[in-house]
Protein backbone atom coordinates (compact mmCIF):
# COMPACT_ATOMS: atom_id res chain seq x y z
CA MET A 1 20.08 -28.84 22.80
CA PRO A 2 23.53 -29.81 21.53
CA SER A 3 25.82 -27.70 19.41
CA ARG A 4 24.34 -26.99 15.98
CA ASP A 5 27.71 -27.26 14.21
CA GLY A 6 30.29 -30.03 14.21
CA GLY A 7 33.05 -31.94 12.49
CA PRO A 8 33.35 -35.27 10.69
CA ALA A 9 31.15 -38.25 11.44
CA VAL A 10 32.71 -40.84 13.73
CA LEU A 11 31.61 -43.91 15.63
CA HIS A 12 31.87 -44.08 19.38
CA PRO A 13 31.34 -47.52 21.02
CA HIS A 14 29.72 -47.54 24.46
CA GLN A 15 29.08 -50.27 27.01
CA PRO A 16 25.36 -50.06 27.99
CA SER A 17 24.61 -49.16 31.59
CA PRO A 18 21.63 -50.47 33.61
CA PRO A 19 18.24 -48.73 33.25
CA PRO A 20 17.60 -45.79 35.59
CA PRO A 21 14.45 -45.52 37.74
CA CYS A 22 11.38 -44.51 35.75
CA SER A 23 7.80 -43.72 36.63
CA PHE A 24 5.76 -46.23 34.68
CA VAL A 25 5.01 -49.89 34.13
CA HIS A 26 6.49 -50.92 30.79
CA ILE A 27 5.51 -53.99 28.80
CA MET A 28 8.60 -55.05 26.91
CA PRO A 29 8.46 -55.96 23.19
CA HIS A 30 6.57 -59.08 22.17
CA GLN A 31 9.64 -61.30 22.07
CA TYR A 32 10.01 -60.64 25.82
CA PRO A 33 6.45 -61.03 27.19
CA THR A 34 7.21 -59.96 30.74
CA MET A 35 6.16 -56.88 32.68
CA VAL A 36 8.89 -54.82 34.28
CA GLN A 37 8.00 -52.52 37.17
CA TYR A 38 10.29 -49.52 37.61
CA ALA A 39 10.42 -47.65 40.89
CA PRO A 40 8.14 -44.58 40.66
CA SER A 41 9.90 -41.23 40.75
CA VAL A 42 7.04 -38.78 40.10
CA SER A 43 3.37 -38.66 40.99
CA PRO A 44 0.81 -39.13 38.23
CA PHE A 45 -0.08 -35.90 36.48
CA THR A 46 -3.76 -35.02 36.68
CA PRO A 47 -4.73 -32.69 33.82
CA SER A 48 -6.47 -29.50 34.87
CA PRO A 49 -7.17 -26.38 32.82
CA ALA A 50 -6.43 -24.29 35.94
CA ALA A 51 -3.09 -25.95 36.70
CA ALA A 52 -0.94 -23.06 35.44
CA GLY A 53 -1.87 -20.62 38.16
CA GLY A 54 -2.05 -22.95 41.14
CA GLY A 55 1.53 -22.90 42.39
CA VAL A 56 2.06 -26.52 41.37
CA LYS A 57 5.70 -27.58 41.34
CA ALA A 58 7.04 -27.90 37.81
CA GLU A 59 8.06 -31.34 36.57
CA VAL A 60 9.42 -33.01 33.47
CA ARG A 61 7.66 -36.25 32.58
CA ASP A 62 9.66 -38.89 30.75
CA VAL A 63 7.73 -40.59 27.96
CA TRP A 64 8.70 -44.00 26.59
CA ALA A 65 7.05 -46.59 24.39
CA GLY A 66 5.01 -47.91 27.31
CA ASN A 67 3.30 -44.65 28.23
CA LEU A 68 3.39 -42.83 24.89
CA ASP A 69 -0.30 -43.06 24.11
CA ASP A 70 -1.44 -42.11 27.62
CA GLU A 71 0.78 -39.03 27.77
CA LEU A 72 -0.19 -37.87 24.27
CA SER A 73 -3.85 -38.27 25.21
CA THR A 74 -3.31 -36.14 28.32
CA MET A 75 -1.50 -33.51 26.28
CA ALA A 76 -4.28 -33.41 23.70
CA SER A 77 -6.90 -32.85 26.40
CA LEU A 78 -5.04 -29.71 27.48
CA LEU A 79 -4.42 -28.19 24.04
CA PRO A 80 -7.69 -26.21 23.98
CA TYR A 81 -6.53 -24.37 27.12
CA TYR A 82 -2.81 -24.25 26.30
CA PRO A 83 -2.56 -23.85 22.51
CA CYS A 84 1.06 -22.64 22.50
CA VAL A 85 3.35 -25.65 21.95
CA CYS A 86 7.02 -25.06 22.67
CA VAL A 87 9.40 -27.74 21.43
CA ASP A 88 13.04 -28.63 21.85
CA THR A 89 14.97 -31.49 20.30
CA GLU A 90 18.10 -33.33 21.30
CA PHE A 91 20.25 -35.08 18.70
CA PRO A 92 23.79 -36.46 18.51
CA GLY A 93 25.53 -33.24 17.53
CA ALA A 94 26.48 -32.35 13.98
CA VAL A 95 28.70 -34.35 11.66
CA HIS A 96 28.87 -31.92 8.76
CA GLY A 97 30.42 -28.50 9.09
CA SER A 98 31.02 -25.48 6.90
CA SER A 99 34.11 -23.45 6.09
CA THR A 100 31.93 -20.34 6.27
CA PRO A 101 31.46 -18.93 9.79
CA ARG A 102 27.86 -19.10 10.97
CA TYR A 103 27.43 -15.32 11.03
CA LEU A 104 28.47 -15.10 7.36
CA ARG A 105 26.22 -17.86 6.03
CA GLY A 106 23.16 -16.93 4.07
CA PRO A 107 19.82 -18.70 4.63
CA ARG A 108 20.31 -21.16 1.75
CA GLU A 109 23.80 -22.18 2.85
CA SER A 110 22.57 -22.54 6.42
CA TYR A 111 19.67 -24.71 5.30
CA ALA A 112 21.94 -26.89 3.18
CA LEU A 113 24.03 -27.59 6.29
CA VAL A 114 20.96 -28.29 8.42
CA LYS A 115 19.66 -30.68 5.77
CA ARG A 116 22.92 -32.63 5.50
CA ASN A 117 23.06 -33.16 9.26
CA VAL A 118 19.37 -33.94 9.81
CA ASP A 119 19.26 -36.33 6.85
CA ASP A 120 22.23 -38.30 8.22
CA LEU A 121 21.51 -38.29 11.98
CA LYS A 122 18.84 -39.66 14.30
CA LEU A 123 16.57 -37.78 16.68
CA LEU A 124 17.06 -38.63 20.37
CA GLN A 125 14.52 -36.61 22.37
CA VAL A 126 11.61 -34.25 21.82
CA GLY A 127 10.53 -31.92 24.60
CA VAL A 128 7.10 -30.30 24.67
CA SER A 129 5.87 -27.55 26.99
CA LEU A 130 2.39 -26.02 26.78
CA SER A 131 1.22 -22.52 27.62
CA GLY A 132 -1.83 -20.34 27.08
CA PRO A 133 -3.67 -17.28 28.38
CA SER A 134 -3.39 -18.51 31.99
CA GLY A 135 0.35 -19.11 31.75
CA ARG A 136 2.61 -22.13 31.42
CA LEU A 137 1.45 -25.61 32.35
CA PRO A 138 3.61 -26.93 35.23
CA VAL A 139 4.65 -30.02 33.30
CA ALA A 140 6.78 -30.66 30.24
CA TRP A 141 6.89 -33.92 28.34
CA GLN A 142 10.18 -35.49 27.35
CA PHE A 143 9.76 -38.08 24.60
CA ASN A 144 12.66 -40.52 24.62
CA LEU A 145 13.18 -42.17 21.24
CA ARG A 146 14.76 -45.43 20.19
CA GLY A 147 16.82 -46.11 17.08
CA PHE A 148 20.18 -44.52 17.91
CA ASP A 149 23.15 -46.76 18.70
CA PRO A 150 26.42 -44.89 19.30
CA ALA A 151 28.32 -48.05 18.39
CA VAL A 152 27.16 -47.92 14.77
CA ASP A 153 25.34 -44.65 14.06
CA PRO A 154 27.16 -41.45 13.01
CA HIS A 155 27.43 -38.77 15.67
CA ALA A 156 29.72 -36.11 17.12
CA PRO A 157 31.60 -37.74 20.05
CA ASP A 158 31.82 -34.52 22.09
CA SER A 159 28.06 -34.00 21.82
CA VAL A 160 27.26 -37.60 22.80
CA ALA A 161 29.68 -37.40 25.73
CA MET A 162 28.05 -34.16 26.87
CA LEU A 163 24.56 -35.66 26.63
CA ARG A 164 25.72 -38.58 28.77
CA SER A 165 27.58 -36.59 31.41
CA GLN A 166 25.56 -33.39 31.65
CA ALA A 167 22.07 -34.48 30.63
CA GLY A 168 22.25 -38.01 32.01
CA MET A 169 21.11 -39.52 28.72
CA ASP A 170 21.26 -43.34 28.76
CA PHE A 171 21.38 -44.55 25.18
CA ALA A 172 21.01 -48.23 26.09
CA THR A 173 17.78 -47.52 27.96
CA MET A 174 16.49 -45.37 25.12
CA ARG A 175 17.33 -48.11 22.63
CA ASP A 176 15.41 -50.71 24.65
CA PHE A 177 12.47 -48.70 25.99
CA GLY A 178 12.21 -45.55 23.87
CA ALA A 179 9.28 -44.79 21.60
CA ARG A 180 9.75 -45.27 17.87
CA PRO A 181 9.90 -41.93 16.00
CA GLU A 182 7.15 -43.13 13.66
CA ASP A 183 4.88 -43.87 16.65
CA LEU A 184 5.49 -40.39 18.05
CA ALA A 185 4.66 -38.88 14.66
CA ALA A 186 1.50 -40.99 14.36
CA GLY A 187 0.46 -39.82 17.83
CA PHE A 188 0.97 -36.17 16.90
CA TYR A 189 -1.41 -36.68 13.98
CA ARG A 190 -3.89 -38.85 15.88
CA TYR A 191 -4.26 -36.45 18.80
CA GLY A 192 -4.48 -33.28 16.74
CA LEU A 193 -1.15 -31.57 17.29
CA ILE A 194 -0.66 -31.84 13.53
CA PRO A 195 -3.86 -31.65 11.43
CA GLY A 196 -4.71 -34.73 9.39
CA GLY A 197 -3.14 -34.68 5.97
CA GLY A 198 -0.45 -32.27 7.15
CA SER A 199 -2.50 -29.19 6.27
CA GLY A 200 -1.67 -26.87 9.13
CA GLU A 201 -2.73 -23.63 7.46
CA GLY A 202 -5.85 -23.20 9.59
CA SER A 203 -4.33 -24.43 12.84
CA LEU A 204 -4.80 -22.29 15.93
CA ILE A 205 -1.77 -23.86 17.61
CA THR A 206 1.30 -21.65 17.95
CA TRP A 207 4.57 -23.57 17.60
CA VAL A 208 7.63 -22.19 19.38
CA ALA A 209 11.33 -23.09 19.54
CA PHE A 210 14.59 -21.35 20.40
CA SER A 211 16.94 -21.14 17.42
CA GLY A 212 14.54 -23.56 15.84
CA ALA A 213 16.14 -24.53 12.51
CA TYR A 214 17.21 -27.96 13.74
CA ASP A 215 14.15 -28.41 15.96
CA PHE A 216 11.67 -27.93 13.12
CA ALA A 217 13.91 -29.85 10.72
CA TYR A 218 14.04 -32.93 12.94
CA LEU A 219 10.31 -32.74 13.68
CA THR A 220 9.60 -32.40 9.97
CA LYS A 221 11.72 -35.46 9.24
CA ALA A 222 9.86 -37.48 11.88
CA LEU A 223 6.44 -36.30 10.73
CA THR A 224 7.19 -37.25 7.12
CA GLY A 225 8.21 -40.81 7.91
CA GLY A 226 11.95 -40.22 8.14
CA ARG A 227 12.26 -39.00 4.57
CA ALA A 228 15.06 -36.67 3.53
CA LEU A 229 14.30 -32.98 3.89
CA PRO A 230 13.37 -30.97 0.77
CA GLU A 231 16.27 -30.02 -1.48
CA THR A 232 15.57 -26.28 -1.29
CA LEU A 233 14.95 -23.81 1.50
CA GLU A 234 11.75 -22.75 -0.24
CA GLY A 235 10.54 -26.36 -0.25
CA PHE A 236 11.38 -26.72 3.44
CA ASN A 237 9.57 -23.51 4.38
CA ALA A 238 6.50 -24.65 2.48
CA LEU A 239 6.57 -28.02 4.23
CA VAL A 240 6.98 -26.42 7.67
CA ARG A 241 4.04 -24.13 6.97
CA GLY A 242 1.97 -27.09 5.78
CA LEU A 243 2.73 -29.10 8.91
CA PHE A 244 2.81 -26.44 11.62
CA GLY A 245 0.79 -23.60 10.12
CA ALA A 246 1.61 -19.92 9.97
CA ARG A 247 1.98 -19.41 13.73
CA VAL A 248 5.63 -20.49 14.08
CA LEU A 249 7.80 -18.44 16.43
CA ASP A 250 11.53 -18.52 17.07
CA VAL A 251 12.27 -17.08 20.51
CA LYS A 252 15.88 -16.33 19.57
CA HIS A 253 14.58 -14.13 16.74
CA LEU A 254 12.22 -12.38 19.16
CA ALA A 255 15.08 -11.82 21.59
CA ARG A 256 17.26 -10.28 18.88
CA CYS A 257 14.41 -7.96 17.93
CA CYS A 258 14.27 -6.86 21.57
CA GLY A 259 18.03 -6.31 21.83
CA VAL A 260 18.72 -9.45 23.89
CA LYS A 261 21.45 -11.65 22.45
CA GLY A 262 22.91 -15.06 23.26
CA GLY A 263 21.86 -18.65 23.59
CA LEU A 264 18.93 -19.91 25.63
CA GLU A 265 20.73 -19.80 28.98
CA GLN A 266 22.13 -16.32 28.31
CA VAL A 267 18.80 -14.88 27.20
CA ALA A 268 17.05 -16.45 30.19
CA ALA A 269 19.63 -14.96 32.57
CA ALA A 270 19.30 -11.53 30.96
CA LEU A 271 15.54 -11.64 31.53
CA GLY A 272 15.82 -13.01 35.07
CA VAL A 273 14.26 -16.35 34.16
CA GLY A 274 15.41 -19.47 35.99
CA ARG A 275 15.10 -23.11 35.03
CA ALA A 276 11.92 -24.42 36.66
CA ALA A 277 12.66 -28.14 36.41
CA GLY A 278 15.28 -30.53 35.05
CA ARG A 279 18.66 -29.64 33.64
CA ALA A 280 20.20 -28.19 30.50
CA HIS A 281 20.42 -30.26 27.32
CA CYS A 282 17.36 -32.29 28.32
CA ALA A 283 14.60 -31.67 25.79
CA GLY A 284 11.77 -31.42 28.32
CA SER A 285 13.59 -28.98 30.58
CA ASP A 286 14.81 -26.83 27.68
CA SER A 287 11.31 -26.64 26.20
CA MET A 288 9.95 -25.44 29.55
CA LEU A 289 12.72 -22.84 29.90
CA THR A 290 12.02 -21.63 26.36
CA THR A 291 8.35 -21.23 27.26
CA ASP A 292 9.23 -19.22 30.37
CA VAL A 293 11.57 -16.99 28.34
CA LEU A 294 8.79 -16.39 25.81
CA LEU A 295 6.29 -15.49 28.55
CA ALA A 296 8.79 -13.10 30.15
CA MET A 297 9.38 -11.41 26.80
CA LEU A 298 5.65 -11.11 26.16
CA ASP A 299 5.29 -9.34 29.49
CA MET A 300 8.30 -7.06 29.00
CA PHE A 301 8.20 -6.21 25.31
CA PHE A 302 4.94 -7.23 23.67
CA ARG A 303 2.14 -5.87 25.83
CA ASP A 304 0.99 -3.55 23.06
CA THR A 305 2.16 -5.57 20.07
CA SER A 306 1.08 -8.95 18.75
CA VAL A 307 4.02 -11.32 18.85
CA LEU A 308 2.51 -13.10 15.85
CA GLU A 309 3.76 -10.22 13.71
CA TYR A 310 7.13 -11.97 14.03
CA ALA A 311 5.83 -15.42 13.10
CA GLY A 312 7.37 -17.39 10.26
CA THR A 313 10.99 -16.33 10.82
CA ILE A 314 13.36 -19.10 11.91
CA VAL A 315 16.86 -18.00 12.90
CA ASP A 316 19.51 -18.75 10.23
CA LEU A 317 16.85 -19.62 7.65
CA ALA A 318 15.50 -16.13 6.95
């Protein structure tokens, strides 16, 4: 997850690099009716309700346009057993800042800044990790999205450079082979992650993020067809509740309530939680680490208390 604050919007041209190895057969868009076989890098994931406790090595599965439907179908088949959905998003930094330090901003000023950035920028990746009563599923999905071109789209250069160098993000490959945000959103609706009609009030799914203001804002934008976010914080909160239901948890808020401070890496280190797969600033890996931090906190601090008592509070927006 990149920095949540930034400076002015700039353009940063980049010469595309060749596609990296992937684990699927991709049929290119209709104007190029050829099949391209990429060298496999991971074994196929076989869904199993008992997978969490079997000592299976954790993995992050890359999802592109060519395997979007198959991976969403697999995920949907596991939701009854793993109804806790932890998400992370990656995006090209922030292009609007504030003269008010973050710790002095009120919820409405914080939301106004989130809205300006999310309205003007494009989502790059969505990571999803599932967990339930038997623990965390040993796979996280990393949805790579098309639509962002650093040569023409606004972004924070330092954030884009970090995503390239540290996370290994290849924007040319994402532009050519990534899933469209609208197809990802349609899949979330079609496979039941988001109830039809966007009425999530009765949903039994628990949605989780770490410092989730931008995560839920970008997901909300995608799920509403790329429209601008609501003008007011109250409107945004109502829309989030309508889409995701009342069971929305922010792990950073939980950590603060338990006296553990810092970003995701710092909180994980304080709790003795290591990264199970992937690397930092990759949405799939960060979603899995957030899940593991949540499970550690449940074991340490919430054995006698329902964590859902803390639902509905998103850091910086409450």
